[in-house]
Amino acid sequence: MGTHEREREKCVTSRRQAMRTIAISGLAAAVPLGAAALGDETSPDAELIRLGAEFDRLYSEWLPLWRRWSDFESVTRTEALAFAGKATSVWERYCQVSNANGCAEATAANDAASDKVTEVAGRIRQLPARGIHGLYVKARVVLFESFATGSHDSVADEDMDWEVLCYVQFLREIASLAGEARV
């Protein structure tokens, strides 16, 4: 059994389980080397594969920051809206709460990490895919750029909106054709 198969065995309990719950974070986290494991430097998509691995790494670093920000932002917004019509505006109250509860810092960290992911996504978008591995890299970027993270990250298939589920299923088909072990 090769290293790639051993990594897959450690990361995914069953193919059916992975197919039910996969999201881009699962794609990025299940195999640490990400798209780089798909090919070598002679591949016509070598640069896309390299950028895909960088995208996966940055995405997996950004995702916990996004989750932290999302939690803070929800609490902050709820508290600010409770003060609607009071002495301060909702926005002023939001800023006060955000500065007091750590939401402002979480926002800054989220934005900085998101900017890095977005920069690599832009570089990926500019390169043409020459094969299925490159197309798979580009398809993961489309998921990141087209759908809100909360619509697919750690969301079971039955809980996804229809258009998100359709795209995630399409992404799974590309992964299967590309021979991705993590799906």
Protein backbone atom coordinates (compact mmCIF):
# COMPACT_ATOMS: atom_id res chain seq x y z
CA MET A 1 0.00 0.00 0.00
CA GLY A 2 1.50 3.36 -1.04
CA THR A 3 1.69 6.53 0.98
CA HIS A 4 -1.24 8.04 -0.90
CA GLU A 5 -3.49 5.09 -0.03
CA ARG A 6 -2.40 5.13 3.63
CA GLU A 7 -3.22 8.85 3.85
CA ARG A 8 -6.64 8.19 2.36
CA GLU A 9 -7.32 5.38 4.83
CA LYS A 10 -6.45 7.66 7.77
CA CYS A 11 -8.56 10.57 6.54
CA VAL A 12 -11.78 9.10 5.25
CA THR A 13 -13.71 6.41 7.10
CA SER A 14 -15.70 5.43 4.03
CA ARG A 15 -16.19 6.72 0.51
CA ARG A 16 -19.95 7.03 1.13
CA GLN A 17 -19.35 9.11 4.28
CA ALA A 18 -16.98 11.41 2.43
CA MET A 19 -19.40 11.85 -0.45
CA ARG A 20 -22.20 12.83 1.96
CA THR A 21 -20.30 15.48 3.85
CA ILE A 22 -17.60 16.75 1.52
CA ALA A 23 -17.05 20.46 1.10
CA ILE A 24 -14.09 22.41 -0.13
CA SER A 25 -12.57 22.28 3.35
CA GLY A 26 -12.78 18.50 3.23
CA LEU A 27 -11.12 18.57 -0.16
CA ALA A 28 -8.32 20.71 1.16
CA ALA A 29 -7.84 18.99 4.51
CA ALA A 30 -8.20 15.29 3.74
CA VAL A 31 -4.88 14.94 1.93
CA PRO A 32 -2.31 17.43 3.19
CA LEU A 33 -0.52 17.71 -0.15
CA GLY A 34 -3.76 18.55 -1.94
CA ALA A 35 -3.58 18.85 -5.70
CA ALA A 36 0.21 18.49 -5.69
CA ALA A 37 -0.23 14.75 -5.22
CA LEU A 38 -2.03 14.53 -8.55
CA GLY A 39 0.80 15.00 -10.95
CA ASP A 40 4.39 15.84 -11.55
CA GLU A 41 6.21 18.82 -12.99
CA THR A 42 5.83 17.43 -16.53
CA SER A 43 2.04 17.72 -16.36
CA PRO A 44 0.58 20.38 -18.66
CA ASP A 45 -1.24 21.62 -15.55
CA ALA A 46 1.84 21.64 -13.29
CA GLU A 47 1.53 25.35 -12.44
CA LEU A 48 -2.20 25.04 -11.73
CA ILE A 49 -1.54 21.98 -9.57
CA ARG A 50 1.14 23.87 -7.63
CA LEU A 51 -1.17 26.87 -7.18
CA GLY A 52 -4.00 24.49 -6.21
CA ALA A 53 -1.88 23.10 -3.39
CA GLU A 54 -1.11 26.66 -2.25
CA PHE A 55 -4.83 27.53 -2.49
CA ASP A 56 -5.71 24.46 -0.38
CA ARG A 57 -3.12 25.36 2.26
CA LEU A 58 -4.23 29.00 2.49
CA TYR A 59 -7.90 28.00 2.49
CA SER A 60 -7.35 25.57 5.36
CA GLU A 61 -5.55 28.32 7.31
CA TRP A 62 -8.32 30.84 6.56
CA LEU A 63 -11.32 28.61 7.35
CA PRO A 64 -10.96 28.59 11.19
CA LEU A 65 -10.52 32.37 11.09
CA TRP A 66 -13.70 32.68 9.05
CA ARG A 67 -15.58 30.45 11.51
CA ARG A 68 -14.34 32.53 14.44
CA TRP A 69 -15.32 35.77 12.69
CA SER A 70 -18.73 34.33 11.74
CA ASP A 71 -19.48 33.41 15.35
CA PHE A 72 -18.41 36.84 16.63
CA GLU A 73 -20.25 38.67 13.88
CA SER A 74 -23.53 36.89 14.56
CA VAL A 75 -23.42 37.77 18.27
CA THR A 76 -22.33 41.34 17.54
CA ARG A 77 -25.09 41.89 14.96
CA THR A 78 -27.75 40.48 17.30
CA GLU A 79 -26.68 42.75 20.13
CA ALA A 80 -26.49 45.80 17.87
CA LEU A 81 -29.96 45.17 16.44
CA ALA A 82 -31.37 44.94 19.96
CA PHE A 83 -30.48 48.61 20.31
CA ALA A 84 -32.25 49.75 17.13
CA GLY A 85 -34.02 53.04 17.76
CA LYS A 86 -32.14 53.76 20.99
CA ALA A 87 -29.72 56.66 21.57
CA THR A 88 -27.06 55.25 19.23
CA SER A 89 -27.54 53.98 15.70
CA VAL A 90 -27.34 50.27 15.02
CA TRP A 91 -24.02 50.80 13.22
CA GLU A 92 -22.53 52.79 16.12
CA ARG A 93 -23.63 50.09 18.55
CA TYR A 94 -22.27 47.38 16.25
CA CYS A 95 -18.87 49.11 16.24
CA GLN A 96 -18.91 49.47 20.03
CA VAL A 97 -19.77 45.81 20.59
CA SER A 98 -17.34 44.68 17.89
CA ASN A 99 -14.47 46.54 19.52
CA ALA A 100 -15.40 45.27 22.99
CA ASN A 101 -15.98 41.59 22.23
CA GLY A 102 -13.11 40.85 19.83
CA CYS A 103 -15.14 40.88 16.63
CA ALA A 104 -13.03 43.71 15.19
CA GLU A 105 -9.83 41.69 15.65
CA ALA A 106 -11.49 38.56 14.26
CA THR A 107 -12.65 40.58 11.25
CA ALA A 108 -9.14 41.87 10.58
CA ALA A 109 -7.62 38.38 10.82
CA ASN A 110 -10.35 36.91 8.60
CA ASP A 111 -9.94 39.64 6.00
CA ALA A 112 -6.15 39.31 5.87
CA ALA A 113 -6.30 35.53 5.40
CA SER A 114 -9.17 35.79 2.91
CA ASP A 115 -7.15 38.28 0.85
CA LYS A 116 -4.34 35.71 0.54
CA VAL A 117 -6.74 32.99 -0.62
CA THR A 118 -8.39 35.40 -3.06
CA GLU A 119 -5.02 36.45 -4.50
CA VAL A 120 -4.05 32.84 -5.28
CA ALA A 121 -7.57 32.19 -6.64
CA GLY A 122 -7.06 35.10 -9.04
CA ARG A 123 -3.79 33.63 -10.28
CA ILE A 124 -5.50 30.27 -10.79
CA ARG A 125 -8.34 31.93 -12.69
CA GLN A 126 -5.87 33.49 -15.14
CA LEU A 127 -4.28 30.18 -16.18
CA PRO A 128 -6.00 27.90 -18.66
CA ALA A 129 -6.61 24.31 -17.63
CA ARG A 130 -5.03 21.83 -20.02
CA GLY A 131 -6.36 18.65 -18.42
CA ILE A 132 -8.67 17.26 -15.78
CA HIS A 133 -6.27 18.01 -12.89
CA GLY A 134 -6.11 21.68 -13.82
CA LEU A 135 -9.86 21.78 -14.28
CA TYR A 136 -10.29 20.30 -10.81
CA VAL A 137 -8.12 23.05 -9.30
CA LYS A 138 -10.15 25.72 -11.11
CA ALA A 139 -13.46 24.12 -10.07
CA ARG A 140 -12.47 24.32 -6.38
CA VAL A 141 -11.75 28.02 -6.85
CA VAL A 142 -15.17 28.53 -8.45
CA LEU A 143 -16.80 26.96 -5.38
CA PHE A 144 -14.85 29.32 -3.11
CA GLU A 145 -15.70 32.39 -5.19
CA SER A 146 -19.31 31.58 -6.07
CA PHE A 147 -20.96 30.30 -2.91
CA ALA A 148 -20.90 31.55 0.66
CA THR A 149 -18.64 29.34 2.76
CA GLY A 150 -21.44 28.64 5.22
CA SER A 151 -23.54 27.14 2.41
CA HIS A 152 -21.23 24.16 1.90
CA ASP A 153 -18.53 23.97 4.56
CA SER A 154 -19.34 21.12 6.97
CA VAL A 155 -22.90 20.99 5.62
CA ALA A 156 -24.47 17.61 4.89
CA ASP A 157 -25.86 17.13 1.39
CA GLU A 158 -29.45 17.09 2.60
CA ASP A 159 -28.95 20.49 4.25
CA MET A 160 -27.39 22.25 1.24
CA ASP A 161 -29.34 24.59 -1.01
CA TRP A 162 -30.07 22.96 -4.36
CA GLU A 163 -27.67 25.06 -6.48
CA VAL A 164 -24.84 24.53 -3.99
CA LEU A 165 -25.46 20.78 -3.89
CA CYS A 166 -25.50 20.62 -7.70
CA TYR A 167 -22.11 22.33 -7.87
CA VAL A 168 -20.60 20.22 -5.07
CA GLN A 169 -21.78 17.06 -6.85
CA PHE A 170 -20.23 18.34 -10.09
CA LEU A 171 -16.98 19.02 -8.22
CA ARG A 172 -17.05 15.46 -6.88
CA GLU A 173 -17.38 14.10 -10.42
CA ILE A 174 -14.36 16.11 -11.53
CA ALA A 175 -12.44 14.86 -8.48
CA SER A 176 -13.36 11.29 -9.38
CA LEU A 177 -12.17 11.74 -12.96
CA ALA A 178 -8.98 13.35 -11.71
CA GLY A 179 -8.36 10.32 -9.50
CA GLU A 180 -8.49 12.28 -6.27
CA ALA A 181 -8.15 9.90 -3.33
CA ARG A 182 -9.80 12.30 -0.91
CA VAL A 183 -13.29 12.04 -2.38
